[in-house]
Structures are given as C-alpha cells and as structure tokens.
C-alpha atoms as a PDB file:
ATOM      1  CA  MET A   1     -13.292 -20.630  -7.141  1.00  0.00           C
ATOM      2  CA  LYS A   2     -11.719 -19.227  -3.973  1.00  0.00           C
ATOM      3  CA  ALA A   3     -10.224 -15.744  -3.957  1.00  0.00           C
ATOM      4  CA  ALA A   4      -7.010 -17.086  -2.450  1.00  0.00           C
ATOM      5  CA  ALA A   5      -6.453 -19.164  -5.620  1.00  0.00           C
ATOM      6  CA  VAL A   6      -6.426 -16.102  -7.887  1.00  0.00           C
ATOM      7  CA  GLN A   7      -3.103 -15.108  -9.427  1.00  0.00           C
ATOM      8  CA  ASP A   8      -2.658 -11.514  -8.355  1.00  0.00           C
ATOM      9  CA  ASP A   9      -0.432  -9.306 -10.556  1.00  0.00           C
ATOM     10  CA  LEU A  10      -1.698  -6.058  -9.024  1.00  0.00           C
ATOM     11  CA  GLY A  11      -1.102  -6.672  -5.343  1.00  0.00           C
ATOM     12  CA  LEU A  12      -4.757  -6.699  -4.437  1.00  0.00           C
ATOM     13  CA  GLY A  13      -4.224  -9.253  -1.712  1.00  0.00           C
ATOM     14  CA  GLY A  14      -6.340 -12.076  -3.118  1.00  0.00           C
ATOM     15  CA  LEU A  15      -9.468 -10.001  -3.745  1.00  0.00           C
ATOM     16  CA  PHE A  16     -11.656 -11.382  -6.493  1.00  0.00           C
ATOM     17  CA  PRO A  17     -14.279  -9.039  -7.920  1.00  0.00           C
ATOM     18  CA  MET A  18     -17.446 -10.502  -9.337  1.00  0.00           C
ATOM     19  CA  PRO A  19     -17.781  -9.715 -13.024  1.00  0.00           C
ATOM     20  CA  VAL A  20     -19.991  -6.729 -13.920  1.00  0.00           C
ATOM     21  CA  GLY A  21     -19.317  -6.804 -17.659  1.00  0.00           C
ATOM     22  CA  THR A  22     -17.025  -7.970 -20.420  1.00  0.00           C
ATOM     23  CA  ASP A  23     -14.336  -6.453 -22.670  1.00  0.00           C
ATOM     24  CA  GLU A  24     -13.753  -8.709 -25.632  1.00  0.00           C
ATOM     25  CA  ASP A  25     -12.562 -11.993 -24.030  1.00  0.00           C
ATOM     26  CA  LEU A  26     -11.939 -10.521 -20.555  1.00  0.00           C
ATOM     27  CA  LEU A  27     -14.300 -10.258 -17.595  1.00  0.00           C
ATOM     28  CA  VAL A  28     -14.496  -6.876 -15.886  1.00  0.00           C
ATOM     29  CA  GLY A  29     -14.903  -6.546 -12.149  1.00  0.00           C
ATOM     30  CA  SER A  30     -15.203  -3.475  -9.940  1.00  0.00           C
ATOM     31  CA  LEU A  31     -13.609  -2.934  -6.530  1.00  0.00           C
ATOM     32  CA  SER A  32     -13.857   0.083  -4.225  1.00  0.00           C
ATOM     33  CA  LEU A  33     -10.501   1.111  -2.744  1.00  0.00           C
ATOM     34  CA  LEU A  34     -12.197   1.903   0.570  1.00  0.00           C
ATOM     35  CA  ASP A  35     -13.732  -1.599   0.755  1.00  0.00           C
ATOM     36  CA  MET A  36     -10.350  -3.261   0.313  1.00  0.00           C
ATOM     37  CA  GLU A  37      -8.130  -0.923   2.333  1.00  0.00           C
ATOM     38  CA  GLU A  38      -6.801  -3.573   4.731  1.00  0.00           C
ATOM     39  CA  LYS A  39      -6.100  -6.168   2.029  1.00  0.00           C
ATOM     40  CA  ILE A  40      -4.098  -4.092  -0.463  1.00  0.00           C
ATOM     41  CA  ILE A  41      -0.453  -5.080  -0.660  1.00  0.00           C
ATOM     42  CA  SER A  42       0.628  -2.953  -3.606  1.00  0.00           C
ATOM     43  CA  PRO A  43       2.414   0.284  -2.589  1.00  0.00           C
ATOM     44  CA  GLU A  44       0.963   2.071  -5.639  1.00  0.00           C
ATOM     45  CA  LEU A  45      -2.621   1.189  -4.704  1.00  0.00           C
ATOM     46  CA  LYS A  46      -1.995   2.063  -1.043  1.00  0.00           C
ATOM     47  CA  ALA A  47      -0.865   5.505  -2.201  1.00  0.00           C
ATOM     48  CA  CYS A  48      -4.186   5.901  -4.064  1.00  0.00           C
ATOM     49  CA  LEU A  49      -6.049   5.411  -0.771  1.00  0.00           C
ATOM     50  CA  LYS A  50      -4.896   8.874   0.354  1.00  0.00           C
ATOM     51  CA  GLN A  51      -7.034  10.384  -2.390  1.00  0.00           C
ATOM     52  CA  ALA A  52      -9.965   7.952  -2.217  1.00  0.00           C
ATOM     53  CA  ASP A  53     -13.388   8.914  -0.944  1.00  0.00           C
ATOM     54  CA  GLU A  54     -16.858   7.380  -0.967  1.00  0.00           C
ATOM     55  CA  GLU A  55     -17.734   8.976  -4.325  1.00  0.00           C
ATOM     56  CA  GLY A  56     -14.400   8.144  -5.975  1.00  0.00           C
ATOM     57  CA  ASN A  57     -13.940   5.947  -9.008  1.00  0.00           C
ATOM     58  CA  PRO A  58     -13.711   2.183  -8.445  1.00  0.00           C
ATOM     59  CA  VAL A  59     -10.739   0.083  -9.481  1.00  0.00           C
ATOM     60  CA  LEU A  60     -11.697  -1.860 -12.592  1.00  0.00           C
ATOM     61  CA  VAL A  61     -10.126  -5.283 -12.791  1.00  0.00           C
ATOM     62  CA  PHE A  62      -9.855  -7.035 -16.145  1.00  0.00           C
ATOM     63  CA  TYR A  63      -9.281 -10.771 -15.879  1.00  0.00           C
ATOM     64  CA  ASN A  64      -9.966 -14.155 -17.469  1.00  0.00           C
ATOM     65  CA  LEU A  65     -10.546 -17.603 -16.066  1.00  0.00           C
ATOM     66  CA  LYS A  66      -8.210 -20.354 -17.219  1.00  0.00           C
END
C-alpha cells in the first residue's frame, strides 16, 4: 500500500505510520511531529509543532485497513 492512497482525516499529508500495536480492531501507529514537519497540512497539528521537542510525545494514529 502506498502512503498517497491513504484516506487522511487528520491532515497528515499522506503519512502512513507502520503499526506498533493494536486497539481492539484498529492498528496503532506512531509518528513524531518533528519527523513530519514539512508534510503536515492540518493547522491544528502545525500549531503543535511550536511546542514539540525531541523528547515530546508522538502522535498516535489509530486506523484500519479496508
């Protein structure tokens, strides 16, 4: 699956995190805001970048494959 084919409701700009766990029927992926700074298109997530640092919490993405 290509990241560009992912339906993106959060404005992550086509980023597709590899799963690191599960939550019931959802896969859970982890993204660092600093690693995706240039690809974020959501104004809310861009605002979070002002507070992000190397030791900050990752963005957890819950998703399923259809």
